PDB file of N, CA and C in Angstrom:
ATOM      1  N   MET A   1      18.355   5.463   2.047  1.00  0.00           N
ATOM      2  CA  MET A   1      17.039   5.695   2.604  1.00  0.00           C
ATOM      3  C   MET A   1      16.265   6.623   1.654  1.00  0.00           C
ATOM      4  N   LYS A   2      15.008   6.312   1.480  1.00  0.00           N
ATOM      5  CA  LYS A   2      14.161   7.112   0.602  1.00  0.00           C
ATOM      6  C   LYS A   2      13.701   8.383   1.308  1.00  0.00           C
ATOM      7  N   THR A   3      13.467   9.397   0.503  1.00  0.00           N
ATOM      8  CA  THR A   3      12.918  10.646   1.043  1.00  0.00           C
ATOM      9  C   THR A   3      11.410  10.494   1.225  1.00  0.00           C
ATOM     10  N   GLU A   4      10.814  11.465   1.894  1.00  0.00           N
ATOM     11  CA  GLU A   4       9.366  11.441   2.093  1.00  0.00           C
ATOM     12  C   GLU A   4       8.639  11.454   0.746  1.00  0.00           C
ATOM     13  N   LYS A   5       9.128  12.264  -0.184  1.00  0.00           N
ATOM     14  CA  LYS A   5       8.506  12.334  -1.510  1.00  0.00           C
ATOM     15  C   LYS A   5       8.627  10.996  -2.241  1.00  0.00           C
ATOM     16  N   GLU A   6       9.790  10.369  -2.175  1.00  0.00           N
ATOM     17  CA  GLU A   6       9.981   9.073  -2.841  1.00  0.00           C
ATOM     18  C   GLU A   6       9.055   8.016  -2.256  1.00  0.00           C
ATOM     19  N   LEU A   7       8.904   8.021  -0.934  1.00  0.00           N
ATOM     20  CA  LEU A   7       8.000   7.064  -0.295  1.00  0.00           C
ATOM     21  C   LEU A   7       6.555   7.338  -0.687  1.00  0.00           C
ATOM     22  N   ASN A   8       6.159   8.603  -0.714  1.00  0.00           N
ATOM     23  CA  ASN A   8       4.793   8.937  -1.139  1.00  0.00           C
ATOM     24  C   ASN A   8       4.549   8.484  -2.571  1.00  0.00           C
ATOM     25  N   ASP A   9       5.524   8.679  -3.449  1.00  0.00           N
ATOM     26  CA  ASP A   9       5.394   8.241  -4.840  1.00  0.00           C
ATOM     27  C   ASP A   9       5.273   6.715  -4.925  1.00  0.00           C
ATOM     28  N   ALA A  10       6.099   6.019  -4.144  1.00  0.00           N
ATOM     29  CA  ALA A  10       6.067   4.551  -4.150  1.00  0.00           C
ATOM     30  C   ALA A  10       4.732   4.042  -3.613  1.00  0.00           C
ATOM     31  N   ILE A  11       4.214   4.679  -2.571  1.00  0.00           N
ATOM     32  CA  ILE A  11       2.918   4.291  -2.002  1.00  0.00           C
ATOM     33  C   ILE A  11       1.808   4.516  -3.018  1.00  0.00           C
ATOM     34  N   LEU A  12       1.858   5.637  -3.708  1.00  0.00           N
ATOM     35  CA  LEU A  12       0.855   5.923  -4.728  1.00  0.00           C
ATOM     36  C   LEU A  12       0.889   4.866  -5.835  1.00  0.00           C
ATOM     37  N   LYS A  13       2.068   4.521  -6.306  1.00  0.00           N
ATOM     38  CA  LYS A  13       2.197   3.500  -7.357  1.00  0.00           C
ATOM     39  C   LYS A  13       1.664   2.153  -6.878  1.00  0.00           C
ATOM     40  N   MET A  14       2.016   1.785  -5.653  1.00  0.00           N
ATOM     41  CA  MET A  14       1.576   0.505  -5.108  1.00  0.00           C
ATOM     42  C   MET A  14       0.061   0.492  -4.944  1.00  0.00           C
ATOM     43  N   THR A  15      -0.495   1.586  -4.456  1.00  0.00           N
ATOM     44  CA  THR A  15      -1.945   1.690  -4.273  1.00  0.00           C
ATOM     45  C   THR A  15      -2.668   1.580  -5.613  1.00  0.00           C
ATOM     46  N   LEU A  16      -2.146   2.275  -6.623  1.00  0.00           N
ATOM     47  CA  LEU A  16      -2.752   2.199  -7.957  1.00  0.00           C
ATOM     48  C   LEU A  16      -2.654   0.785  -8.519  1.00  0.00           C
ATOM     49  N   LYS A  17      -1.533   0.126  -8.301  1.00  0.00           N
ATOM     50  CA  LYS A  17      -1.374  -1.251  -8.779  1.00  0.00           C
ATOM     51  C   LYS A  17      -2.411  -2.162  -8.123  1.00  0.00           C
ATOM     52  N   ILE A  18      -2.588  -2.009  -6.818  1.00  0.00           N
ATOM     53  CA  ILE A  18      -3.579  -2.825  -6.112  1.00  0.00           C
ATOM     54  C   ILE A  18      -4.975  -2.547  -6.663  1.00  0.00           C
ATOM     55  N   ARG A  19      -5.314  -1.292  -6.810  1.00  0.00           N
ATOM     56  CA  ARG A  19      -6.662  -0.946  -7.301  1.00  0.00           C
ATOM     57  C   ARG A  19      -6.901  -1.403  -8.728  1.00  0.00           C
ATOM     58  N   ASN A  20      -5.881  -1.333  -9.574  1.00  0.00           N
ATOM     59  CA  ASN A  20      -6.037  -1.698 -10.981  1.00  0.00           C
ATOM     60  C   ASN A  20      -5.923  -3.197 -11.241  1.00  0.00           C
ATOM     61  N   GLU A  21      -4.957  -3.849 -10.597  1.00  0.00           N
ATOM     62  CA  GLU A  21      -4.693  -5.257 -10.889  1.00  0.00           C
ATOM     63  C   GLU A  21      -5.364  -6.221  -9.913  1.00  0.00           C
ATOM     64  N   TYR A  22      -5.589  -5.771  -8.697  1.00  0.00           N
ATOM     65  CA  TYR A  22      -6.191  -6.636  -7.676  1.00  0.00           C
ATOM     66  C   TYR A  22      -7.261  -5.847  -6.909  1.00  0.00           C
ATOM     67  N   PRO A  23      -8.329  -5.421  -7.591  1.00  0.00           N
ATOM     68  CA  PRO A  23      -9.329  -4.569  -6.945  1.00  0.00           C
ATOM     69  C   PRO A  23      -9.968  -5.207  -5.710  1.00  0.00           C
ATOM     70  N   GLU A  24      -9.957  -6.510  -5.653  1.00  0.00           N
ATOM     71  CA  GLU A  24     -10.533  -7.185  -4.482  1.00  0.00           C
ATOM     72  C   GLU A  24      -9.732  -6.892  -3.209  1.00  0.00           C
ATOM     73  N   LEU A  25      -8.495  -6.403  -3.344  1.00  0.00           N
ATOM     74  CA  LEU A  25      -7.678  -6.058  -2.183  1.00  0.00           C
ATOM     75  C   LEU A  25      -7.901  -4.618  -1.717  1.00  0.00           C
ATOM     76  N   SER A  26      -8.616  -3.839  -2.499  1.00  0.00           N
ATOM     77  CA  SER A  26      -8.819  -2.423  -2.163  1.00  0.00           C
ATOM     78  C   SER A  26      -9.432  -2.237  -0.784  1.00  0.00           C
ATOM     79  N   LYS A  27     -10.264  -3.182  -0.377  1.00  0.00           N
ATOM     80  CA  LYS A  27     -10.892  -3.045   0.942  1.00  0.00           C
ATOM     81  C   LYS A  27      -9.862  -3.025   2.062  1.00  0.00           C
ATOM     82  N   TYR A  28      -8.704  -3.649   1.835  1.00  0.00           N
ATOM     83  CA  TYR A  28      -7.673  -3.670   2.864  1.00  0.00           C
ATOM     84  C   TYR A  28      -6.919  -2.351   2.962  1.00  0.00           C
ATOM     85  N   LEU A  29      -6.991  -1.535   1.938  1.00  0.00           N
ATOM     86  CA  LEU A  29      -6.276  -0.260   1.966  1.00  0.00           C
ATOM     87  C   LEU A  29      -6.815   0.661   3.051  1.00  0.00           C
ATOM     88  N   VAL A  30      -8.104   0.647   3.272  1.00  0.00           N
ATOM     89  CA  VAL A  30      -8.684   1.522   4.292  1.00  0.00           C
ATOM     90  C   VAL A  30      -8.676   0.895   5.674  1.00  0.00           C
ATOM     91  N   GLU A  31      -8.442  -0.402   5.759  1.00  0.00           N
ATOM     92  CA  GLU A  31      -8.470  -1.084   7.042  1.00  0.00           C
ATOM     93  C   GLU A  31      -7.093  -1.209   7.684  1.00  0.00           C
ATOM     94  N   MET A  32      -6.061  -0.807   6.980  1.00  0.00           N
ATOM     95  CA  MET A  32      -4.712  -0.998   7.495  1.00  0.00           C
ATOM     96  C   MET A  32      -4.451  -0.073   8.680  1.00  0.00           C
ATOM     97  N   PRO A  33      -3.875  -0.589   9.762  1.00  0.00           N
ATOM     98  CA  PRO A  33      -3.646   0.230  10.959  1.00  0.00           C
ATOM     99  C   PRO A  33      -2.721   1.422  10.702  1.00  0.00           C
ATOM    100  N   GLU A  34      -1.854   1.323   9.728  1.00  0.00           N
ATOM    101  CA  GLU A  34      -0.932   2.416   9.440  1.00  0.00           C
ATOM    102  C   GLU A  34      -1.667   3.663   8.973  1.00  0.00           C
ATOM    103  N   THR A  35      -2.902   3.497   8.496  1.00  0.00           N
ATOM    104  CA  THR A  35      -3.643   4.652   7.995  1.00  0.00           C
ATOM    105  C   THR A  35      -4.520   5.284   9.059  1.00  0.00           C
ATOM    106  N   ILE A  36      -4.579   4.659  10.242  1.00  0.00           N
ATOM    107  CA  ILE A  36      -5.418   5.179  11.318  1.00  0.00           C
ATOM    108  C   ILE A  36      -4.501   5.757  12.397  1.00  0.00           C
ATOM    109  N   PRO A  37      -4.437   7.070  12.515  1.00  0.00           N
ATOM    110  CA  PRO A  37      -3.534   7.686  13.484  1.00  0.00           C
ATOM    111  C   PRO A  37      -3.974   7.450  14.921  1.00  0.00           C
ATOM    112  N   ASP A  38      -2.988   7.438  15.830  1.00  0.00           N
ATOM    113  CA  ASP A  38      -3.253   7.226  17.251  1.00  0.00           C
ATOM    114  C   ASP A  38      -3.621   8.511  17.977  1.00  0.00           C
ATOM    115  N   THR A  39      -3.342   9.634  17.351  1.00  0.00           N
ATOM    116  CA  THR A  39      -3.526  10.906  18.040  1.00  0.00           C
ATOM    117  C   THR A  39      -4.439  11.827  17.246  1.00  0.00           C
ATOM    118  N   ASN A  40      -4.819  12.921  17.883  1.00  0.00           N
ATOM    119  CA  ASN A  40      -5.675  13.899  17.206  1.00  0.00           C
ATOM    120  C   ASN A  40      -4.920  14.668  16.126  1.00  0.00           C
ATOM    121  N   ASN A  41      -3.645  14.890  16.337  1.00  0.00           N
ATOM    122  CA  ASN A  41      -2.821  15.626  15.373  1.00  0.00           C
ATOM    123  C   ASN A  41      -1.631  14.762  14.959  1.00  0.00           C
ATOM    124  N   PRO A  42      -1.884  13.774  14.131  1.00  0.00           N
ATOM    125  CA  PRO A  42      -0.798  12.858  13.787  1.00  0.00           C
ATOM    126  C   PRO A  42       0.266  13.548  12.927  1.00  0.00           C
ATOM    127  N   LYS A  43       1.495  13.115  13.121  1.00  0.00           N
ATOM    128  CA  LYS A  43       2.579  13.610  12.291  1.00  0.00           C
ATOM    129  C   LYS A  43       3.028  12.460  11.400  1.00  0.00           C
ATOM    130  N   ILE A  44       2.989  12.707  10.122  1.00  0.00           N
ATOM    131  CA  ILE A  44       3.433  11.696   9.179  1.00  0.00           C
ATOM    132  C   ILE A  44       4.934  11.870   9.012  1.00  0.00           C
ATOM    133  N   ASN A  45       5.663  10.801   9.231  1.00  0.00           N
ATOM    134  CA  ASN A  45       7.103  10.876   9.069  1.00  0.00           C
ATOM    135  C   ASN A  45       7.600   9.721   8.200  1.00  0.00           C
ATOM    136  N   ILE A  46       8.888   9.693   7.983  1.00  0.00           N
ATOM    137  CA  ILE A  46       9.494   8.683   7.107  1.00  0.00           C
ATOM    138  C   ILE A  46       9.179   7.269   7.620  1.00  0.00           C
ATOM    139  N   LYS A  47       9.275   7.056   8.917  1.00  0.00           N
ATOM    140  CA  LYS A  47       9.027   5.708   9.462  1.00  0.00           C
ATOM    141  C   LYS A  47       7.594   5.262   9.201  1.00  0.00           C
ATOM    142  N   ILE A  48       6.630   6.144   9.414  1.00  0.00           N
ATOM    143  CA  ILE A  48       5.224   5.798   9.179  1.00  0.00           C
ATOM    144  C   ILE A  48       4.999   5.477   7.704  1.00  0.00           C
ATOM    145  N   LEU A  49       5.560   6.302   6.827  1.00  0.00           N
ATOM    146  CA  LEU A  49       5.414   6.057   5.395  1.00  0.00           C
ATOM    147  C   LEU A  49       6.076   4.741   4.998  1.00  0.00           C
ATOM    148  N   LYS A  50       7.265   4.496   5.537  1.00  0.00           N
ATOM    149  CA  LYS A  50       7.983   3.250   5.207  1.00  0.00           C
ATOM    150  C   LYS A  50       7.197   2.033   5.699  1.00  0.00           C
ATOM    151  N   ASP A  51       6.666   2.117   6.905  1.00  0.00           N
ATOM    152  CA  ASP A  51       5.867   1.014   7.449  1.00  0.00           C
ATOM    153  C   ASP A  51       4.626   0.761   6.589  1.00  0.00           C
ATOM    154  N   TYR A  52       3.984   1.838   6.159  1.00  0.00           N
ATOM    155  CA  TYR A  52       2.797   1.698   5.321  1.00  0.00           C
ATOM    156  C   TYR A  52       3.157   1.075   3.973  1.00  0.00           C
ATOM    157  N   TYR A  53       4.250   1.536   3.371  1.00  0.00           N
ATOM    158  CA  TYR A  53       4.699   0.968   2.100  1.00  0.00           C
ATOM    159  C   TYR A  53       4.989  -0.528   2.266  1.00  0.00           C
ATOM    160  N   GLU A  54       5.679  -0.878   3.336  1.00  0.00           N
ATOM    161  CA  GLU A  54       6.011  -2.289   3.576  1.00  0.00           C
ATOM    162  C   GLU A  54       4.757  -3.132   3.776  1.00  0.00           C
ATOM    163  N   SER A  55       3.741  -2.583   4.429  1.00  0.00           N
ATOM    164  CA  SER A  55       2.515  -3.357   4.625  1.00  0.00           C
ATOM    165  C   SER A  55       1.788  -3.567   3.289  1.00  0.00           C
ATOM    166  N   LEU A  56       1.789  -2.545   2.422  1.00  0.00           N
ATOM    167  CA  LEU A  56       1.204  -2.716   1.091  1.00  0.00           C
ATOM    168  C   LEU A  56       1.982  -3.767   0.299  1.00  0.00           C
ATOM    169  N   ASN A  57       3.279  -3.678   0.362  1.00  0.00           N
ATOM    170  CA  ASN A  57       4.140  -4.616  -0.344  1.00  0.00           C
ATOM    171  C   ASN A  57       3.912  -6.049   0.158  1.00  0.00           C
ATOM    172  N   SER A  58       3.742  -6.185   1.446  1.00  0.00           N
ATOM    173  CA  SER A  58       3.497  -7.498   2.037  1.00  0.00           C
ATOM    174  C   SER A  58       2.193  -8.111   1.522  1.00  0.00           C
ATOM    175  N   ILE A  59       1.155  -7.291   1.436  1.00  0.00           N
ATOM    176  CA  ILE A  59      -0.126  -7.774   0.910  1.00  0.00           C
ATOM    177  C   ILE A  59       0.060  -8.296  -0.513  1.00  0.00           C
ATOM    178  N   LEU A  60       0.754  -7.530  -1.327  1.00  0.00           N
ATOM    179  CA  LEU A  60       0.956  -7.948  -2.718  1.00  0.00           C
ATOM    180  C   LEU A  60       1.795  -9.210  -2.819  1.00  0.00           C
ATOM    181  N   LYS A  61       2.852  -9.298  -2.017  1.00  0.00           N
ATOM    182  CA  LYS A  61       3.719 -10.483  -2.067  1.00  0.00           C
ATOM    183  C   LYS A  61       2.966 -11.747  -1.676  1.00  0.00           C
ATOM    184  N   LYS A  62       2.067 -11.621  -0.710  1.00  0.00           N
ATOM    185  CA  LYS A  62       1.301 -12.786  -0.264  1.00  0.00           C
ATOM    186  C   LYS A  62       0.193 -13.144  -1.245  1.00  0.00           C
ATOM    187  N   TYR A  63      -0.393 -12.145  -1.863  1.00  0.00           N
ATOM    188  CA  TYR A  63      -1.583 -12.361  -2.681  1.00  0.00           C
ATOM    189  C   TYR A  63      -1.274 -12.618  -4.152  1.00  0.00           C
ATOM    190  N   ALA A  64      -0.435 -11.788  -4.740  1.00  0.00           N
ATOM    191  CA  ALA A  64      -0.209 -11.799  -6.189  1.00  0.00           C
ATOM    192  C   ALA A  64       0.251 -13.142  -6.763  1.00  0.00           C
ATOM    193  N   PRO A  65       1.156 -13.858  -6.130  1.00  0.00           N
ATOM    194  CA  PRO A  65       1.599 -15.124  -6.740  1.00  0.00           C
ATOM    195  C   PRO A  65       0.480 -16.147  -6.948  1.00  0.00           C
ATOM    196  N   ASN A  66      -0.560 -16.060  -6.149  1.00  0.00           N
ATOM    197  CA  ASN A  66      -1.660 -17.018  -6.241  1.00  0.00           C
ATOM    198  C   ASN A  66      -2.838 -16.514  -7.069  1.00  0.00           C
ATOM    199  N   HIS A  67      -2.765 -15.266  -7.514  1.00  0.00           N
ATOM    200  CA  HIS A  67      -3.881 -14.672  -8.244  1.00  0.00           C
ATOM    201  C   HIS A  67      -3.346 -13.868  -9.427  1.00  0.00           C
ATOM    202  N   THR A  68      -3.244 -14.494 -10.534  1.00  0.00           N
ATOM    203  CA  THR A  68      -2.748 -13.801 -11.708  1.00  0.00           C
ATOM    204  C   THR A  68      -3.881 -13.084 -12.424  1.00  0.00           C
ATOM    205  N   ILE A  69      -3.525 -12.046 -13.138  1.00  0.00           N
ATOM    206  CA  ILE A  69      -4.507 -11.310 -13.931  1.00  0.00           C
ATOM    207  C   ILE A  69      -4.849 -12.144 -15.146  1.00  0.00           C
ATOM    208  N   LYS A  70      -6.116 -12.303 -15.385  1.00  0.00           N
ATOM    209  CA  LYS A  70      -6.538 -13.069 -16.554  1.00  0.00           C
ATOM    210  C   LYS A  70      -6.568 -12.185 -17.771  1.00  0.00           C
ATOM    211  N   GLU A  71      -5.864 -12.639 -18.790  1.00  0.00           N
ATOM    212  CA  GLU A  71      -5.831 -11.874 -20.041  1.00  0.00           C
ATOM    213  C   GLU A  71      -6.860 -12.419 -21.010  1.00  0.00           C
ATOM    214  N   ASP A  72      -7.441 -11.517 -21.802  1.00  0.00           N
ATOM    215  CA  ASP A  72      -8.369 -11.945 -22.842  1.00  0.00           C
ATOM    216  C   ASP A  72      -7.571 -12.587 -23.954  1.00  0.00           C
ATOM    217  N   LYS A  73      -8.058 -13.715 -24.435  1.00  0.00           N
ATOM    218  CA  LYS A  73      -7.337 -14.410 -25.519  1.00  0.00           C
ATOM    219  C   LYS A  73      -8.156 -14.421 -26.751  1.00  0.00           C
TER     220      LYS A  73
END
């Protein structure tokens, strides 16, 4: 199991990858339910971070195979 720091690092890398390689997906980063807390004082824990990472990963797995980065030739 990953630590909170490892999950935060993985989320940051995934977020940067989405913003850099698939900027059209950036709009989904702010709309994801995992980023909207249910309470006034939300507690971020390993499960919430893991769920958020998995949702980012899911977006990439569904999107990336059909949309390759175009390289300049």
